N, C-alpha and C. Protein backbone atom coordinates (compact mmCIF):
# COMPACT_ATOMS: atom_id res chain seq x y z
N UNK A 1 0.32 17.94 7.29
CA UNK A 1 -0.63 16.85 7.32
C UNK A 1 -1.83 17.25 8.15
N UNK A 2 -3.00 16.89 7.71
CA UNK A 2 -4.22 17.26 8.40
C UNK A 2 -4.46 16.43 9.64
N UNK A 3 -5.41 16.89 10.43
CA UNK A 3 -5.77 16.18 11.65
C UNK A 3 -6.37 14.82 11.30
N UNK A 4 -5.96 13.80 12.02
CA UNK A 4 -6.47 12.45 11.78
C UNK A 4 -5.77 11.72 10.66
N UNK A 5 -4.81 12.36 10.01
CA UNK A 5 -4.05 11.70 8.95
C UNK A 5 -2.81 11.06 9.58
N UNK A 6 -2.61 9.80 9.27
CA UNK A 6 -1.46 9.06 9.80
C UNK A 6 -0.52 8.75 8.65
N UNK A 7 0.78 8.75 8.95
CA UNK A 7 1.80 8.54 7.92
C UNK A 7 2.82 7.53 8.41
N UNK A 8 3.27 6.69 7.50
CA UNK A 8 4.33 5.73 7.80
C UNK A 8 5.25 5.65 6.59
N UNK A 9 6.51 5.34 6.85
CA UNK A 9 7.43 5.11 5.75
C UNK A 9 8.31 3.93 6.08
N UNK A 10 8.82 3.31 5.02
CA UNK A 10 9.57 2.07 5.19
C UNK A 10 10.61 1.98 4.08
N UNK A 11 11.81 1.56 4.47
CA UNK A 11 12.83 1.23 3.48
C UNK A 11 12.66 -0.25 3.17
N UNK A 12 12.39 -0.54 1.94
CA UNK A 12 12.18 -1.92 1.53
C UNK A 12 13.51 -2.50 1.04
N UNK A 13 13.61 -3.82 0.92
CA UNK A 13 14.86 -4.41 0.43
C UNK A 13 15.31 -3.74 -0.87
N UNK A 14 16.60 -3.44 -0.93
CA UNK A 14 17.12 -2.72 -2.08
C UNK A 14 17.25 -1.24 -1.80
N UNK A 15 16.82 -0.79 -0.60
CA UNK A 15 16.99 0.58 -0.18
C UNK A 15 15.95 1.57 -0.68
N UNK A 16 14.88 1.09 -1.28
CA UNK A 16 13.82 1.97 -1.77
C UNK A 16 12.97 2.46 -0.61
N UNK A 17 12.54 3.73 -0.69
CA UNK A 17 11.70 4.31 0.35
C UNK A 17 10.26 4.38 -0.14
N UNK A 18 9.34 3.87 0.67
CA UNK A 18 7.92 3.85 0.33
C UNK A 18 7.17 4.48 1.50
N UNK A 19 6.20 5.35 1.18
CA UNK A 19 5.40 6.01 2.21
C UNK A 19 3.92 5.70 2.01
N UNK A 20 3.21 5.74 3.14
CA UNK A 20 1.76 5.58 3.09
C UNK A 20 1.14 6.61 4.03
N UNK A 21 0.08 7.23 3.56
CA UNK A 21 -0.72 8.10 4.41
C UNK A 21 -2.15 7.58 4.40
N UNK A 22 -2.82 7.75 5.52
CA UNK A 22 -4.21 7.29 5.62
C UNK A 22 -4.99 8.29 6.46
N UNK A 23 -6.20 8.54 6.03
CA UNK A 23 -7.09 9.43 6.77
C UNK A 23 -8.32 9.72 5.93
N UNK A 24 -9.40 9.99 6.59
CA UNK A 24 -10.64 10.30 5.88
C UNK A 24 -11.13 9.17 5.00
N UNK A 25 -10.83 7.93 5.39
CA UNK A 25 -11.27 6.78 4.61
C UNK A 25 -10.47 6.52 3.35
N UNK A 26 -9.34 7.22 3.19
CA UNK A 26 -8.51 7.05 2.01
C UNK A 26 -7.10 6.64 2.40
N UNK A 27 -6.45 5.93 1.49
CA UNK A 27 -5.06 5.53 1.65
C UNK A 27 -4.30 6.00 0.44
N UNK A 28 -3.12 6.55 0.67
CA UNK A 28 -2.26 6.99 -0.45
C UNK A 28 -0.89 6.34 -0.29
N UNK A 29 -0.42 5.74 -1.36
CA UNK A 29 0.86 5.04 -1.40
C UNK A 29 1.79 5.79 -2.35
N UNK A 30 2.95 6.21 -1.85
CA UNK A 30 3.90 6.96 -2.66
C UNK A 30 5.31 6.42 -2.42
N UNK A 31 6.22 6.78 -3.29
CA UNK A 31 7.61 6.40 -3.08
C UNK A 31 8.27 5.89 -4.33
N UNK A 32 9.37 5.20 -4.11
CA UNK A 32 10.24 4.73 -5.18
C UNK A 32 9.87 3.30 -5.57
N UNK A 33 8.77 3.15 -6.30
CA UNK A 33 8.31 1.84 -6.75
C UNK A 33 7.52 2.03 -8.04
N UNK A 34 7.26 0.92 -8.70
CA UNK A 34 6.47 0.93 -9.93
C UNK A 34 5.39 -0.14 -9.85
N UNK A 35 4.28 0.15 -10.46
CA UNK A 35 3.21 -0.83 -10.64
C UNK A 35 2.93 -0.93 -12.12
N UNK A 36 2.72 -2.15 -12.59
CA UNK A 36 2.29 -2.36 -13.97
C UNK A 36 1.01 -3.16 -13.93
N UNK A 37 -0.04 -2.76 -14.58
CA UNK A 37 -0.12 -1.56 -15.40
C UNK A 37 0.00 -0.30 -14.54
N UNK A 38 0.50 0.75 -15.16
CA UNK A 38 0.80 1.99 -14.45
C UNK A 38 -0.44 2.67 -13.86
N UNK A 39 -1.60 2.43 -14.45
CA UNK A 39 -2.82 3.08 -13.96
C UNK A 39 -3.51 2.28 -12.85
N UNK A 40 -2.82 1.30 -12.27
CA UNK A 40 -3.45 0.46 -11.25
C UNK A 40 -3.35 1.03 -9.83
N UNK A 41 -2.60 2.10 -9.63
CA UNK A 41 -2.42 2.63 -8.28
C UNK A 41 -3.73 3.10 -7.63
N UNK A 42 -4.58 3.87 -8.30
CA UNK A 42 -5.83 4.31 -7.64
C UNK A 42 -6.69 3.13 -7.17
N UNK A 43 -6.77 2.09 -7.96
CA UNK A 43 -7.56 0.92 -7.56
C UNK A 43 -6.95 0.21 -6.37
N UNK A 44 -5.62 0.09 -6.36
CA UNK A 44 -4.93 -0.53 -5.24
C UNK A 44 -5.14 0.29 -3.97
N UNK A 45 -5.03 1.61 -4.07
CA UNK A 45 -5.24 2.47 -2.91
C UNK A 45 -6.66 2.33 -2.37
N UNK A 46 -7.65 2.27 -3.25
CA UNK A 46 -9.04 2.09 -2.82
C UNK A 46 -9.21 0.74 -2.12
N UNK A 47 -8.56 -0.29 -2.66
CA UNK A 47 -8.61 -1.61 -2.04
C UNK A 47 -7.98 -1.56 -0.64
N UNK A 48 -6.82 -0.91 -0.53
CA UNK A 48 -6.14 -0.82 0.76
C UNK A 48 -7.01 -0.13 1.80
N UNK A 49 -7.77 0.87 1.39
CA UNK A 49 -8.65 1.58 2.31
C UNK A 49 -9.78 0.69 2.80
N UNK A 50 -10.09 -0.36 2.05
CA UNK A 50 -11.21 -1.24 2.42
C UNK A 50 -10.79 -2.50 3.17
N UNK A 51 -9.50 -2.76 3.26
CA UNK A 51 -9.03 -4.00 3.91
C UNK A 51 -9.28 -3.95 5.41
N UNK A 52 -9.87 -5.00 5.92
CA UNK A 52 -10.04 -5.18 7.36
C UNK A 52 -9.68 -6.61 7.70
N UNK A 53 -8.54 -7.04 7.20
CA UNK A 53 -8.11 -8.43 7.33
C UNK A 53 -6.90 -8.52 8.24
N UNK A 54 -6.84 -9.60 9.00
CA UNK A 54 -5.65 -9.85 9.83
C UNK A 54 -4.47 -10.27 8.96
N UNK A 55 -4.76 -10.81 7.78
CA UNK A 55 -3.70 -11.24 6.87
C UNK A 55 -3.71 -10.35 5.64
N UNK A 56 -3.34 -9.08 5.85
CA UNK A 56 -3.39 -8.10 4.77
C UNK A 56 -2.45 -8.46 3.63
N UNK A 57 -1.27 -9.02 3.93
CA UNK A 57 -0.32 -9.34 2.87
C UNK A 57 -0.92 -10.33 1.87
N UNK A 58 -1.62 -11.34 2.37
CA UNK A 58 -2.26 -12.31 1.47
C UNK A 58 -3.39 -11.67 0.68
N UNK A 59 -4.16 -10.80 1.33
CA UNK A 59 -5.25 -10.11 0.64
C UNK A 59 -4.71 -9.20 -0.47
N UNK A 60 -3.61 -8.51 -0.19
CA UNK A 60 -2.99 -7.62 -1.18
C UNK A 60 -2.43 -8.44 -2.34
N UNK A 61 -1.76 -9.54 -2.03
CA UNK A 61 -1.21 -10.41 -3.08
C UNK A 61 -2.33 -10.96 -3.96
N UNK A 62 -3.44 -11.37 -3.35
CA UNK A 62 -4.57 -11.91 -4.11
C UNK A 62 -5.18 -10.81 -4.99
N UNK A 63 -5.32 -9.59 -4.46
CA UNK A 63 -5.84 -8.48 -5.25
C UNK A 63 -4.95 -8.22 -6.45
N UNK A 64 -3.64 -8.18 -6.22
CA UNK A 64 -2.70 -7.93 -7.31
C UNK A 64 -2.80 -9.02 -8.38
N UNK A 65 -2.89 -10.26 -7.95
CA UNK A 65 -2.99 -11.36 -8.92
C UNK A 65 -4.29 -11.28 -9.72
N UNK A 66 -5.41 -11.03 -9.03
CA UNK A 66 -6.71 -10.93 -9.71
C UNK A 66 -6.73 -9.82 -10.75
N UNK A 67 -5.99 -8.76 -10.48
CA UNK A 67 -6.02 -7.58 -11.35
C UNK A 67 -4.79 -7.47 -12.25
N UNK A 68 -3.95 -8.50 -12.26
CA UNK A 68 -2.79 -8.51 -13.14
C UNK A 68 -1.78 -7.42 -12.82
N UNK A 69 -1.63 -7.09 -11.54
CA UNK A 69 -0.71 -6.03 -11.13
C UNK A 69 0.65 -6.64 -10.80
N UNK A 70 1.66 -6.07 -11.39
CA UNK A 70 3.05 -6.46 -11.10
C UNK A 70 3.68 -5.33 -10.28
N UNK A 71 4.24 -5.67 -9.13
CA UNK A 71 4.86 -4.69 -8.25
C UNK A 71 6.37 -4.77 -8.40
N UNK A 72 7.00 -3.61 -8.59
CA UNK A 72 8.44 -3.53 -8.74
C UNK A 72 8.96 -2.54 -7.70
N UNK A 73 9.82 -3.01 -6.82
CA UNK A 73 10.39 -2.15 -5.79
C UNK A 73 9.72 -2.29 -4.44
N UNK A 74 8.66 -3.08 -4.36
CA UNK A 74 7.99 -3.38 -3.11
C UNK A 74 7.12 -4.60 -3.31
N UNK A 75 6.67 -5.19 -2.22
CA UNK A 75 5.82 -6.37 -2.29
C UNK A 75 4.64 -6.25 -1.36
N UNK A 76 3.73 -7.21 -1.41
CA UNK A 76 2.55 -7.19 -0.55
C UNK A 76 2.88 -7.09 0.94
N UNK A 77 3.98 -7.73 1.36
CA UNK A 77 4.37 -7.69 2.77
C UNK A 77 4.75 -6.28 3.19
N UNK A 78 5.45 -5.56 2.30
CA UNK A 78 5.84 -4.18 2.60
C UNK A 78 4.61 -3.29 2.74
N UNK A 79 3.66 -3.45 1.82
CA UNK A 79 2.43 -2.66 1.85
C UNK A 79 1.64 -2.98 3.11
N UNK A 80 1.56 -4.27 3.46
CA UNK A 80 0.82 -4.69 4.66
C UNK A 80 1.45 -4.10 5.92
N UNK A 81 2.78 -4.05 5.98
CA UNK A 81 3.47 -3.49 7.15
C UNK A 81 3.15 -2.00 7.29
N UNK A 82 3.17 -1.28 6.18
CA UNK A 82 2.82 0.14 6.20
C UNK A 82 1.37 0.34 6.62
N UNK A 83 0.49 -0.50 6.08
CA UNK A 83 -0.93 -0.40 6.41
C UNK A 83 -1.15 -0.61 7.91
N UNK A 84 -0.43 -1.57 8.49
CA UNK A 84 -0.56 -1.82 9.93
C UNK A 84 -0.13 -0.60 10.75
N UNK A 85 0.85 0.14 10.25
CA UNK A 85 1.33 1.33 10.97
C UNK A 85 0.36 2.49 10.89
N UNK A 86 -0.36 2.63 9.79
CA UNK A 86 -1.26 3.78 9.64
C UNK A 86 -2.68 3.51 10.12
N UNK A 87 -3.00 2.27 10.39
CA UNK A 87 -4.34 1.95 10.91
C UNK A 87 -4.46 2.44 12.34
N UNK A 88 -5.63 2.96 12.70
CA UNK A 88 -5.81 3.42 14.10
C UNK A 88 -5.80 2.26 15.08
């Protein structure tokens, strides 16, 4: 991992492992989960990099609803918890 890159991982309900890395103004979400539509991950990652909200879980849920994204294997709360860990 490069300098300034932060990483977090979390076991979500059901035992799935999800990881997040952040650095250089980018966020990357990886692990054992699915998003539908399948091509929605880059947009979600860009959105996560731009969030500066105290209530990230609600912002993520609203983004997913606006964009018709269905999350399988994780939820907005899981993503928000990871985001809180990788933020400086």
